[in-house]
Protein backbone atom coordinates (compact mmCIF):
# COMPACT_ATOMS: atom_id res chain seq x y z
CA MET A 1 107.68 209.70 -11.83
CA GLU A 2 110.59 209.43 -14.22
CA PHE A 3 109.28 212.28 -16.33
CA ALA A 4 109.09 214.34 -13.37
CA ALA A 5 112.50 213.50 -12.36
CA LEU A 6 113.92 214.45 -15.78
CA VAL A 7 111.91 217.76 -15.74
CA PHE A 8 113.44 218.50 -12.29
CA LEU A 9 116.98 217.50 -13.40
CA THR A 10 116.68 219.66 -16.61
CA ALA A 11 115.60 222.56 -14.50
CA LEU A 12 118.20 222.37 -12.13
CA MET A 13 121.07 222.10 -14.74
CA GLY A 14 119.42 225.04 -16.43
CA ALA A 15 119.76 227.15 -13.17
CA PHE A 16 123.35 226.08 -12.77
CA SER A 17 124.03 227.40 -16.22
CA HIS A 18 123.26 230.92 -14.78
CA LEU A 19 125.02 230.31 -11.49
CA TRP A 20 128.38 228.82 -12.87
CA GLN A 21 130.58 231.12 -11.10
CA PRO A 22 129.58 230.64 -7.61
CA LEU A 23 129.54 226.79 -8.02
CA MET A 24 133.08 226.90 -9.55
CA VAL A 25 134.20 229.16 -6.59
CA PHE A 26 132.61 226.70 -4.25
CA LEU A 27 134.24 223.39 -5.94
CA GLN A 28 137.69 225.27 -5.69
CA ILE A 29 137.19 226.05 -2.05
CA VAL A 30 136.52 222.47 -1.21
CA GLY A 31 139.64 221.38 -3.02
CA MET A 32 138.53 220.34 -6.29
CA GLY A 33 140.86 221.63 -9.06
CA VAL A 34 139.29 223.60 -11.92
CA THR A 35 140.99 223.62 -15.26
CA ARG A 36 140.48 226.71 -17.53
CA ILE A 37 140.70 226.03 -21.17
CA GLU A 38 140.55 229.24 -23.28
CA GLY A 39 141.27 229.89 -26.92
CA ARG A 40 139.75 230.90 -30.32
CA HIS A 41 136.98 228.77 -31.64
CA SER A 42 139.43 227.48 -33.95
CA ASP A 43 142.30 226.52 -31.74
CA GLU A 44 143.15 222.79 -31.83
CA LYS A 45 142.95 222.52 -27.94
CA ILE A 46 139.29 224.03 -27.97
CA VAL A 47 138.20 221.91 -30.86
CA ILE A 48 139.52 218.76 -29.19
CA ALA A 49 138.00 219.63 -25.82
CA LYS A 50 134.86 220.13 -27.20
CA ARG A 51 134.72 216.98 -29.16
CA TYR A 52 135.84 214.87 -26.19
CA ILE A 53 133.17 216.45 -23.73
CA LEU A 54 130.48 216.16 -26.31
CA LYS A 55 131.20 212.60 -26.87
CA ASN A 56 131.62 211.42 -23.35
CA TYR A 57 128.90 213.27 -21.26
CA LEU A 58 125.85 211.87 -19.66
CA PHE A 59 123.67 214.79 -18.98
CA SER A 60 123.84 218.38 -20.01
CA SER A 61 122.03 221.86 -19.95
CA TYR A 62 123.81 222.60 -23.20
CA MET A 63 121.99 225.19 -25.30
CA TYR A 64 122.81 227.74 -28.09
CA ARG A 65 122.84 231.63 -27.49
CA GLY A 66 123.16 234.59 -29.50
CA ALA A 67 123.10 235.57 -33.38
CA LYS A 68 126.24 233.05 -33.92
CA MET A 69 124.47 230.34 -32.05
CA GLU A 70 127.51 229.88 -29.66
CA PRO A 71 127.21 226.86 -27.36
CA CYS A 72 127.19 227.35 -23.49
CA GLY A 73 126.02 225.41 -20.50
CA PHE A 74 126.96 222.48 -18.17
CA LEU A 75 127.91 218.87 -19.15
CA PHE A 76 128.08 216.06 -16.63
CA SER A 77 129.62 212.67 -16.81
CA TRP A 78 131.12 210.16 -14.05
CA ARG A 79 134.70 211.62 -15.02
CA PHE A 80 134.26 215.18 -15.45
CA LEU A 81 132.07 218.19 -14.90
CA ALA A 82 132.54 221.10 -17.73
CA PHE A 83 131.00 224.34 -18.38
CA THR A 84 131.23 226.21 -21.62
CA GLU A 85 131.22 230.05 -21.02
CA PRO A 86 129.19 231.95 -23.73
CA ALA A 87 131.43 233.81 -26.09
CA VAL A 88 130.99 237.63 -25.94
CA ASP A 89 133.48 238.70 -28.56
CA ARG A 90 132.80 236.15 -31.06
CA TYR A 91 136.39 235.00 -30.91
CA THR A 92 137.18 233.51 -27.26
CA THR A 93 135.80 230.15 -26.16
CA THR A 94 136.13 229.38 -22.39
CA ILE A 95 135.74 225.97 -20.79
CA TYR A 96 136.04 225.21 -17.14
CA MET A 97 136.47 221.54 -16.52
CA ILE A 98 136.71 219.51 -13.45
CA GLY A 99 138.57 215.91 -14.13
CA SER A 100 141.30 214.64 -16.14
CA THR A 101 142.44 216.72 -19.14
CA ASN A 102 145.19 214.08 -20.33
CA PHE A 103 143.39 214.17 -23.64
CA LEU A 104 144.94 217.77 -24.36
CA GLU A 105 148.32 216.45 -23.89
CA SER A 106 150.55 216.02 -26.97
CA ASP A 107 151.14 212.36 -26.60
CA HIS A 108 147.30 211.85 -27.02
CA GLU A 109 147.13 213.64 -30.47
CA PRO A 110 146.53 211.62 -33.39
CA GLU A 111 149.46 210.47 -35.55
CA VAL A 112 149.79 211.79 -39.00
CA GLY A 113 151.61 210.55 -41.98
CA PRO A 114 154.56 212.36 -43.79
CA GLN A 115 154.41 216.10 -44.08
CA PRO A 116 153.63 216.92 -47.82
CA GLU A 117 156.39 218.97 -49.33
CA GLY A 118 155.88 222.84 -49.25
CA SER A 119 152.98 222.65 -46.61
CA SER A 120 152.71 223.49 -43.09
CA ARG A 121 151.92 220.94 -40.34
CA GLY A 122 148.12 219.99 -40.57
CA SER A 123 145.93 220.57 -37.73
CA LEU A 124 142.30 220.01 -36.50
CA ARG A 125 140.32 223.17 -36.68
CA SER A 126 136.81 224.35 -37.29
CA TYR A 127 134.88 227.13 -39.36
CA THR A 128 131.65 228.51 -39.59
CA THR A 129 129.48 227.72 -42.81
CA ALA A 130 126.26 228.92 -44.04
CA VAL A 131 124.21 225.76 -44.96
CA ARG A 132 121.29 225.99 -47.21
CA VAL A 133 118.12 224.78 -45.68
CA GLY A 134 114.54 225.25 -46.77
CA GLY A 135 112.48 223.96 -49.65
CA THR A 136 113.85 223.29 -53.36
CA TYR A 137 112.50 226.77 -54.48
CA TYR A 138 112.87 228.60 -51.22
CA ALA A 139 116.50 229.13 -50.22
CA GLN A 140 117.12 230.04 -46.65
CA TYR A 141 120.70 229.87 -44.69
CA GLN A 142 121.79 228.65 -41.24
CA SER A 143 125.15 229.04 -39.67
CA LYS A 144 126.85 225.90 -38.58
CA LYS A 145 130.22 225.11 -37.00
CA VAL A 146 132.12 222.57 -39.04
CA PRO A 147 135.34 220.81 -37.87
CA THR A 148 138.04 220.33 -40.61
CA PHE A 149 141.71 218.95 -40.87
CA LEU A 150 143.70 221.58 -42.74
CA ILE A 151 147.00 221.38 -44.42
CA GLU A 152 148.17 224.69 -45.85
CA PHE A 153 150.49 224.81 -48.88
CA LYS A 154 152.75 227.86 -49.27
CA LYS A 155 151.21 228.83 -52.62
CA GLN A 156 147.76 228.67 -51.08
CA MET A 157 148.87 230.87 -47.97
CA ASP A 158 150.44 233.45 -50.20
CA MET A 159 147.34 233.45 -52.35
CA VAL A 160 145.10 234.01 -49.01
CA ASP A 161 147.55 236.86 -47.95
CA SER A 162 147.04 238.64 -51.30
CA ILE A 163 143.29 238.27 -51.13
CA ILE A 164 143.10 239.66 -47.69
CA SER A 165 145.46 242.45 -48.65
CA MET A 166 143.24 243.40 -51.70
CA ALA A 167 140.11 243.59 -49.25
CA GLU A 168 142.01 245.74 -46.75
CA THR A 169 143.19 248.03 -49.29
CA SER A 170 139.60 248.41 -50.77
CA GLU A 171 138.53 249.20 -47.37
CA ARG A 172 141.22 251.73 -46.74
CA ASN A 173 140.08 253.44 -50.03
CA GLU A 174 136.51 253.52 -48.66
CA PHE A 175 135.01 250.91 -51.16
CA GLY A 176 134.34 248.64 -48.40
CA PHE A 177 136.16 245.19 -47.25
CA ASN A 178 135.35 243.37 -50.58
CA ALA A 179 137.22 241.38 -53.20
CA ARG A 180 136.40 239.14 -56.02
CA CYS A 181 138.97 236.62 -57.11
CA LEU A 182 139.16 233.77 -59.79
CA ILE A 183 141.21 230.79 -59.06
CA SER A 184 141.96 228.58 -62.06
CA GLY A 185 143.76 225.23 -62.03
CA PRO A 186 143.45 221.36 -62.85
CA ALA A 187 141.12 219.18 -60.46
CA GLY A 188 142.91 218.51 -57.11
CA SER A 189 145.14 221.38 -57.26
CA GLY A 190 143.64 222.85 -54.14
CA LYS A 191 141.45 225.59 -55.44
CA SER A 192 138.27 225.04 -53.24
CA SER A 193 140.77 224.50 -50.00
CA VAL A 194 141.67 228.10 -50.34
CA ALA A 195 138.17 229.29 -49.49
CA ARG A 196 138.41 227.10 -46.12
CA ILE A 197 141.83 228.53 -45.22
CA LEU A 198 140.87 232.05 -45.90
CA THR A 199 137.57 231.47 -43.97
CA GLU A 200 139.75 230.00 -40.95
CA ARG A 201 142.14 232.92 -41.22
CA LEU A 202 139.49 235.59 -40.98
CA ASP A 203 137.27 233.80 -38.54
CA GLY A 204 134.50 234.43 -41.14
CA VAL A 205 131.52 232.48 -42.56
CA LEU A 206 131.85 230.32 -45.56
CA CYS A 207 129.04 229.58 -47.99
CA THR A 208 129.56 226.97 -50.69
CA GLU A 209 125.89 226.19 -51.75
CA PHE A 210 124.80 229.55 -53.14
CA ASN A 211 123.87 229.38 -56.76
CA PRO A 212 122.40 232.64 -58.24
CA SER A 213 120.79 230.64 -61.24
CA SER A 214 118.92 228.35 -58.78
CA PRO A 215 115.11 229.51 -58.46
CA GLY A 216 114.40 231.52 -55.35
CA ASP A 217 118.20 231.77 -54.37
CA SER A 218 119.48 235.29 -53.93
CA LEU A 219 122.58 237.03 -52.76
CA GLY A 220 120.36 239.14 -50.49
CA THR A 221 119.02 236.30 -48.53
CA LEU A 222 122.54 234.80 -47.93
CA VAL A 223 123.85 238.24 -46.85
CA ALA A 224 121.19 238.60 -44.47
CA ALA A 225 121.44 235.22 -42.86
CA ALA A 226 125.09 235.28 -42.59
CA ASP A 227 124.83 238.49 -40.59
CA SER A 228 128.53 239.15 -41.58
CA ASP A 229 130.61 242.14 -40.48
CA ARG A 230 134.29 243.14 -40.35
CA ASP A 231 134.98 240.83 -37.53
CA THR A 232 133.32 237.76 -39.17
CA PRO A 233 133.24 238.54 -43.05
CA LEU A 234 131.17 236.25 -45.59
CA ILE A 235 133.23 234.25 -47.95
CA VAL A 236 131.17 233.01 -50.93
CA LEU A 237 132.62 230.28 -53.15
CA PHE A 238 131.63 229.57 -56.52
CA ASP A 239 132.99 225.99 -57.28
CA GLU A 240 133.31 225.40 -61.22
CA TRP A 241 131.94 228.92 -61.99
CA ASP A 242 132.41 228.15 -65.70
CA HIS A 243 129.38 226.15 -65.42
CA VAL A 244 127.10 229.00 -64.48
CA VAL A 245 128.89 231.23 -67.02
CA GLU A 246 127.99 228.82 -69.84
CA ALA A 247 124.50 228.09 -68.81
CA CYS A 248 123.61 231.78 -68.70
CA ARG A 249 125.78 232.44 -71.94
CA ASN A 250 123.52 229.82 -73.75
CA GLY A 251 120.19 231.06 -72.07
CA PRO A 252 117.82 232.21 -71.25
CA LEU A 253 117.16 229.54 -68.51
CA PRO A 254 113.70 227.92 -68.25
CA GLU A 255 111.30 230.41 -66.33
CA ASN A 256 109.99 229.42 -63.11
CA LYS A 257 106.52 230.71 -62.54
CA LYS A 258 106.79 231.10 -58.71
CA HIS A 259 110.46 231.98 -58.03
CA LEU A 260 112.69 234.10 -60.01
CA ARG A 261 116.30 233.29 -60.92
CA GLN A 262 119.07 236.00 -60.18
CA THR A 263 121.08 235.05 -63.20
CA TYR A 264 119.07 233.59 -65.95
CA ASP A 265 120.73 234.99 -69.24
CA TRP A 266 123.95 236.98 -70.19
CA GLY A 267 122.77 240.30 -69.11
CA SER A 268 121.60 239.24 -65.78
CA LEU A 269 124.94 237.36 -65.28
CA LEU A 270 126.93 240.44 -65.88
CA LYS A 271 124.56 242.68 -63.85
CA PHE A 272 125.10 240.03 -60.78
CA LEU A 273 128.88 240.38 -61.22
CA ASP A 274 128.70 244.14 -61.17
CA ASP A 275 126.52 244.11 -57.97
CA THR A 276 129.06 242.06 -56.22
CA ALA A 277 131.33 245.05 -55.89
CA TYR A 278 128.91 246.65 -53.59
CA VAL A 279 128.50 243.96 -51.03
CA ASN A 280 130.64 245.08 -47.95
CA ASN A 281 132.55 242.76 -45.64
CA THR A 282 132.31 239.74 -48.27
CA ILE A 283 134.85 238.05 -50.44
CA PHE A 284 133.86 236.31 -53.59
CA LEU A 285 135.74 233.22 -54.92
CA PHE A 286 135.17 231.71 -58.23
CA THR A 287 137.04 228.68 -59.42
CA THR A 288 137.42 227.03 -62.67
CA ASN A 289 139.32 224.22 -64.57
CA ARG A 290 139.27 226.02 -67.80
CA PRO A 291 142.33 227.70 -69.41
CA ASP A 292 142.86 231.26 -69.93
CA GLU A 293 142.27 231.15 -73.40
CA TRP A 294 138.84 229.85 -72.85
CA MET A 295 137.92 232.82 -70.41
CA GLN A 296 138.90 235.46 -73.21
CA GLU A 297 137.01 233.73 -76.18
CA ASP A 298 134.08 235.84 -77.75
CA GLU A 299 131.71 237.43 -75.19
CA ARG A 300 133.08 235.47 -72.29
CA ALA A 301 135.87 237.99 -71.84
CA ALA A 302 133.16 240.33 -70.50
CA ALA A 303 132.41 238.07 -67.56
CA PHE A 304 136.19 237.75 -66.60
CA ARG A 305 137.49 241.45 -67.31
CA ARG A 306 138.97 243.65 -64.65
CA GLY A 307 136.08 245.41 -62.80
CA ARG A 308 134.08 242.26 -62.63
CA ILE A 309 136.99 240.02 -61.18
CA ASP A 310 139.52 241.87 -59.39
CA ALA A 311 142.31 239.38 -59.57
CA VAL A 312 143.06 235.99 -61.31
CA PHE A 313 145.30 233.37 -59.44
CA HIS A 314 146.81 230.29 -60.98
CA LEU A 315 147.44 226.98 -59.10
CA ASP A 316 149.86 224.64 -61.20
CA GLY A 317 149.20 220.87 -61.70
CA ALA A 318 150.49 219.68 -58.28
CA ASP A 319 147.90 217.07 -57.05
CA ILE A 320 147.48 218.57 -53.70
CA ALA A 321 144.54 216.48 -52.91
CA THR A 322 146.69 213.27 -53.32
CA ASP A 323 149.35 214.81 -50.96
CA VAL A 324 146.69 215.55 -48.42
CA HIS A 325 145.33 212.01 -48.65
CA ASP A 326 148.76 210.59 -48.07
CA ALA A 327 149.38 212.56 -45.25
CA ARG A 328 146.10 211.74 -43.49
CA PHE A 329 146.37 207.87 -44.12
CA SER A 330 150.07 206.94 -44.44
CA VAL A 331 151.34 204.77 -41.41
CA LYS A 332 154.27 205.82 -39.71
CA LYS A 333 157.05 203.18 -39.56
CA GLY A 334 157.10 201.00 -36.50
CA ARG A 335 153.48 201.66 -35.78
């Protein structure tokens, strides 16, 4: 009996998901106010609303539709009724809600500590990441929405502006929306955060798990899974790229009988870097803690020369990681 009731409720809510407009019109006619919350996926109000609704609902017909797996459907609780409209333009999320929306007001926002010098006010956002799934030697990638709290420093924002400008210039010159940039600096200087800021700015897809030296992993598999285009470009981050360079330089890497490595020796590494120039709607970011002198020693210079790396950016010794930590966990006076 309970199982039959559950099946009936699920079917009923599934039907409501396709009849949401008439239902909302009816509720407005009978005097129930409907709040419309609309914005980009990364907008703070959208992120907060989704977090609140998904945390407090009792029943739902929530599902995921489309290539980008956008959520849609009804969510019910004793305090609210909400419906998330499927996004048709990959940019806009619309949430219709009956019930209190006080959680969106400014006095309900979480307190943060002192603002780090030279940064913009941090905010809760989200971005899409391509996560590696599958077996050890058989790489597949799946898109996933990830919430994040970003604090953007001016030097990082200037760097992101330059990278986007390079990719746009390449596109105007009919070479495709593509750039390959190296970011150097000490640990904690904010190198990896540049990739998240860039992804959020472009509304793109970020991958931090791709390794061309892993057996069975390939750039073609990642590009196909990300399904990137000009509106949602792919950003590939190679953290500690010098480790891959040194492994191939001292190679060849051990052979795997079942699955090939895309980069396994010095020649295959250079070919991989050459091939990255022809991947449209993709930006490649490489990071390293090594100094410029190390990159130019011996044959290493071939991997970092112009034509394989389009631009080199430097972040100074400022410990951005510590600044962000202090901003997150410092307690305001009088609290």
